[in-house]
Each structure stands twice: as structure tokens, then as C-alpha cells.
Amino acid sequence: MTPPRPPAFEKKLSLDKEALAAFLDKAFPPAARPSYGQIESVALDHVRMTLEPRPEMIRPGDIVAGPALMGLADVAAYAVVLAHLGPVAMAVTNSLTINFLRPCQLETIMADARLLRLGRRLATVEVRLWQGREDRLVAVATVGYALP
């Protein structure tokens, strides 16, 4: 009989808010910085980010365009994975599915990224995007990351 496999990783934080923000600033080009949001908090299995919509993110109807929301979901998922693994630049998105639930207004967007599974080769994250109240979701994404 085969002995049970140990867990892929002991769940613990490897980067705090400041270290995670510094790594993201280094990993992305300076011109991209305003487009990927601010880290508000880091906790076990969770990262919260905010994004202030910029003029280039607006689509007809004065709402935030879907690609801007997908970008925020992707960066928030990357952030929660890095918070647990440490500064691993080559963790890459292997899937992103998003459901848009209501128009995203021109106000602060909150992103709550929850680490659902952290394995040896893959991580799965749920990201909820909301405005005003946590129960007022504008989108929900499931993001997969391939780990080096």
C-alpha cells in the first residue's frame, strides 16, 4: 500500500503586503503600474486589491471595460499565489474564466482573491470584484496558475 502523499505546500505567507507590492512593482513595467491596482491587505489564503478606473479603461456607456476587470482579476490572483510561494516571477496564468454580473461603474473596484488550491504545479484562485458593498459583485473570476 502506498503511503499518503504529504501536502504540496504548508500554507503560510511568504510575502507581506509591502514585500508583495515591491515585487509586483519590479515584475511589471512602470507604465503598467497604474493599471494593476493597489494591494490593500494580505492574509492567509486572501489578498485584497483596489483599482481606481482610468480614462483608458472606460468603454461606451461610461462603464469599465471587461479587459480592465480581467486584468485586475489576473493580478489579484497572481498576488495571492505569490504571497504564499514567495517571489516566483514565472508563475503564469494557464486559465481565466470570468462572469460579468453587472456594469462596473466609474468608482473604486475592490478585488478579493481567495486561494482555493495550491498544489505542486497548479494553483486555483477565485477572485470577486465588487463596488460599494461586498455583496454587490460586478464580476467573479476563476484563475488558474501554472507554477514553475
Protein backbone atom coordinates (compact mmCIF):
# COMPACT_ATOMS: atom_id res chain seq x y z
CA MET A 1 0.00 0.00 0.00
CA THR A 2 1.28 3.44 -0.93
CA PRO A 3 1.77 5.89 1.96
CA PRO A 4 -0.28 9.09 1.76
CA ARG A 5 1.38 11.98 -0.04
CA PRO A 6 2.33 14.99 2.05
CA PRO A 7 0.56 18.25 1.19
CA ALA A 8 2.12 20.14 -1.73
CA PHE A 9 2.92 23.14 0.44
CA GLU A 10 2.43 24.06 4.03
CA LYS A 11 0.07 27.00 3.82
CA LYS A 12 1.89 30.01 5.16
CA LEU A 13 2.56 33.52 3.98
CA SER A 14 5.92 34.09 2.33
CA LEU A 15 5.43 37.77 1.45
CA ASP A 16 3.72 40.50 3.46
CA LYS A 17 1.89 43.45 1.90
CA GLU A 18 5.00 45.62 1.47
CA ALA A 19 7.20 42.84 0.04
CA LEU A 20 4.44 41.74 -2.33
CA ALA A 21 3.86 45.32 -3.57
CA ALA A 22 7.62 45.78 -4.10
CA PHE A 23 7.83 42.55 -6.10
CA LEU A 24 4.86 43.50 -8.32
CA ASP A 25 6.40 46.93 -8.93
CA LYS A 26 9.59 45.21 -10.08
CA ALA A 27 7.87 42.46 -12.11
CA PHE A 28 5.67 44.75 -14.22
CA PRO A 29 6.81 47.61 -16.49
CA PRO A 30 6.49 51.06 -14.86
CA ALA A 31 3.89 52.16 -17.42
CA ALA A 32 1.61 49.29 -16.32
CA ARG A 33 1.69 50.25 -12.64
CA PRO A 34 -1.48 52.42 -12.59
CA SER A 35 -3.46 49.72 -14.40
CA TYR A 36 -3.00 46.83 -12.00
CA GLY A 37 -4.23 48.30 -8.72
CA GLN A 38 -3.08 48.64 -5.12
CA ILE A 39 -2.67 45.91 -2.55
CA GLU A 40 -4.85 46.70 0.45
CA SER A 41 -4.29 43.60 2.59
CA VAL A 42 -2.59 40.21 2.62
CA ALA A 43 -3.69 37.29 4.81
CA LEU A 44 -3.55 33.51 4.70
CA ASP A 45 -5.41 32.43 1.52
CA HIS A 46 -6.50 36.02 0.75
CA VAL A 47 -5.35 39.23 -0.93
CA ARG A 48 -7.50 42.34 -1.33
CA MET A 49 -6.67 44.88 -4.02
CA THR A 50 -8.30 48.11 -5.22
CA LEU A 51 -8.29 49.78 -8.60
CA GLU A 52 -9.31 53.33 -9.49
CA PRO A 53 -10.65 53.29 -13.07
CA ARG A 54 -8.58 55.36 -15.50
CA PRO A 55 -9.83 57.07 -18.69
CA GLU A 56 -8.31 54.38 -20.95
CA MET A 57 -10.35 51.71 -19.11
CA ILE A 58 -13.72 53.26 -19.97
CA ARG A 59 -15.96 51.89 -22.72
CA PRO A 60 -19.07 53.38 -24.32
CA GLY A 61 -21.82 53.75 -21.74
CA ASP A 62 -19.33 55.14 -19.20
CA ILE A 63 -18.58 51.78 -17.63
CA VAL A 64 -15.29 49.99 -17.01
CA ALA A 65 -14.33 47.73 -19.92
CA GLY A 66 -14.14 43.97 -19.43
CA PRO A 67 -10.41 43.70 -20.22
CA ALA A 68 -9.61 46.05 -17.31
CA LEU A 69 -11.63 43.83 -14.95
CA MET A 70 -9.93 40.69 -16.29
CA GLY A 71 -6.54 42.33 -15.77
CA LEU A 72 -7.38 43.19 -12.16
CA ALA A 73 -8.62 39.63 -11.53
CA ASP A 74 -5.41 38.20 -13.02
CA VAL A 75 -3.10 40.45 -10.99
CA ALA A 76 -5.04 39.78 -7.77
CA ALA A 77 -4.79 36.02 -8.39
CA TYR A 78 -1.05 36.34 -9.10
CA ALA A 79 -0.66 38.35 -5.89
CA VAL A 80 -2.32 35.74 -3.66
CA VAL A 81 -0.22 32.96 -5.23
CA LEU A 82 2.99 34.96 -4.72
CA ALA A 83 2.02 35.85 -1.15
CA HIS A 84 2.20 32.12 -0.39
CA LEU A 85 5.05 30.98 -2.69
CA GLY A 86 7.34 33.97 -2.44
CA PRO A 87 8.86 35.94 -5.34
CA VAL A 88 8.34 33.44 -8.17
CA ALA A 89 8.18 35.54 -11.34
CA MET A 90 7.46 32.60 -13.64
CA ALA A 91 4.15 31.54 -12.11
CA VAL A 92 1.96 32.10 -15.19
CA THR A 93 -1.76 32.20 -15.90
CA ASN A 94 -2.97 28.98 -17.51
CA SER A 95 -6.70 29.76 -17.39
CA LEU A 96 -9.02 32.63 -16.58
CA THR A 97 -12.80 32.40 -16.65
CA ILE A 98 -14.84 35.45 -15.74
CA ASN A 99 -18.54 36.12 -15.37
CA PHE A 100 -19.65 39.74 -15.60
CA LEU A 101 -22.63 40.23 -13.29
CA ARG A 102 -23.48 43.94 -13.63
CA PRO A 103 -21.98 47.07 -15.20
CA CYS A 104 -18.89 48.30 -13.38
CA GLN A 105 -19.30 52.00 -12.60
CA LEU A 106 -16.55 54.63 -12.59
CA GLU A 107 -15.71 54.20 -8.91
CA THR A 108 -13.24 52.18 -6.87
CA ILE A 109 -13.19 48.49 -7.75
CA MET A 110 -12.36 46.01 -4.99
CA ALA A 111 -10.82 42.62 -5.77
CA ASP A 112 -10.88 39.81 -3.21
CA ALA A 113 -8.63 36.93 -4.30
CA ARG A 114 -9.01 33.66 -2.38
CA LEU A 115 -6.57 30.81 -2.82
CA LEU A 116 -8.72 27.71 -3.35
CA ARG A 117 -5.91 25.24 -4.01
CA LEU A 118 -2.13 25.45 -4.01
CA GLY A 119 -0.55 22.33 -5.48
CA ARG A 120 2.92 21.44 -6.67
CA ARG A 121 2.31 22.53 -10.27
CA LEU A 122 -1.01 24.40 -10.26
CA ALA A 123 -2.82 26.97 -8.15
CA THR A 124 -6.52 27.82 -8.36
CA VAL A 125 -7.86 31.19 -7.22
CA GLU A 126 -11.33 32.72 -7.04
CA VAL A 127 -11.49 36.49 -7.47
CA ARG A 128 -14.60 38.50 -6.61
CA LEU A 129 -14.79 42.04 -7.98
CA TRP A 130 -17.19 44.42 -6.26
CA GLN A 131 -18.07 48.06 -5.71
CA GLY A 132 -19.56 49.79 -2.70
CA ARG A 133 -20.62 46.66 -0.80
CA GLU A 134 -19.12 43.17 -0.83
CA ASP A 135 -22.48 41.72 -1.82
CA ARG A 136 -22.63 43.99 -4.88
CA LEU A 137 -20.47 41.90 -7.19
CA VAL A 138 -19.62 43.18 -10.65
CA ALA A 139 -17.71 40.04 -11.70
CA VAL A 140 -16.43 36.70 -10.44
CA ALA A 141 -13.36 35.00 -11.93
CA THR A 142 -11.66 31.66 -11.50
CA VAL A 143 -7.97 31.86 -12.33
CA GLY A 144 -5.51 29.01 -12.73
CA TYR A 145 -1.76 29.46 -12.39
CA ALA A 146 0.95 27.09 -13.62
CA LEU A 147 3.79 27.04 -11.11
CA PRO A 148 7.47 26.65 -12.05
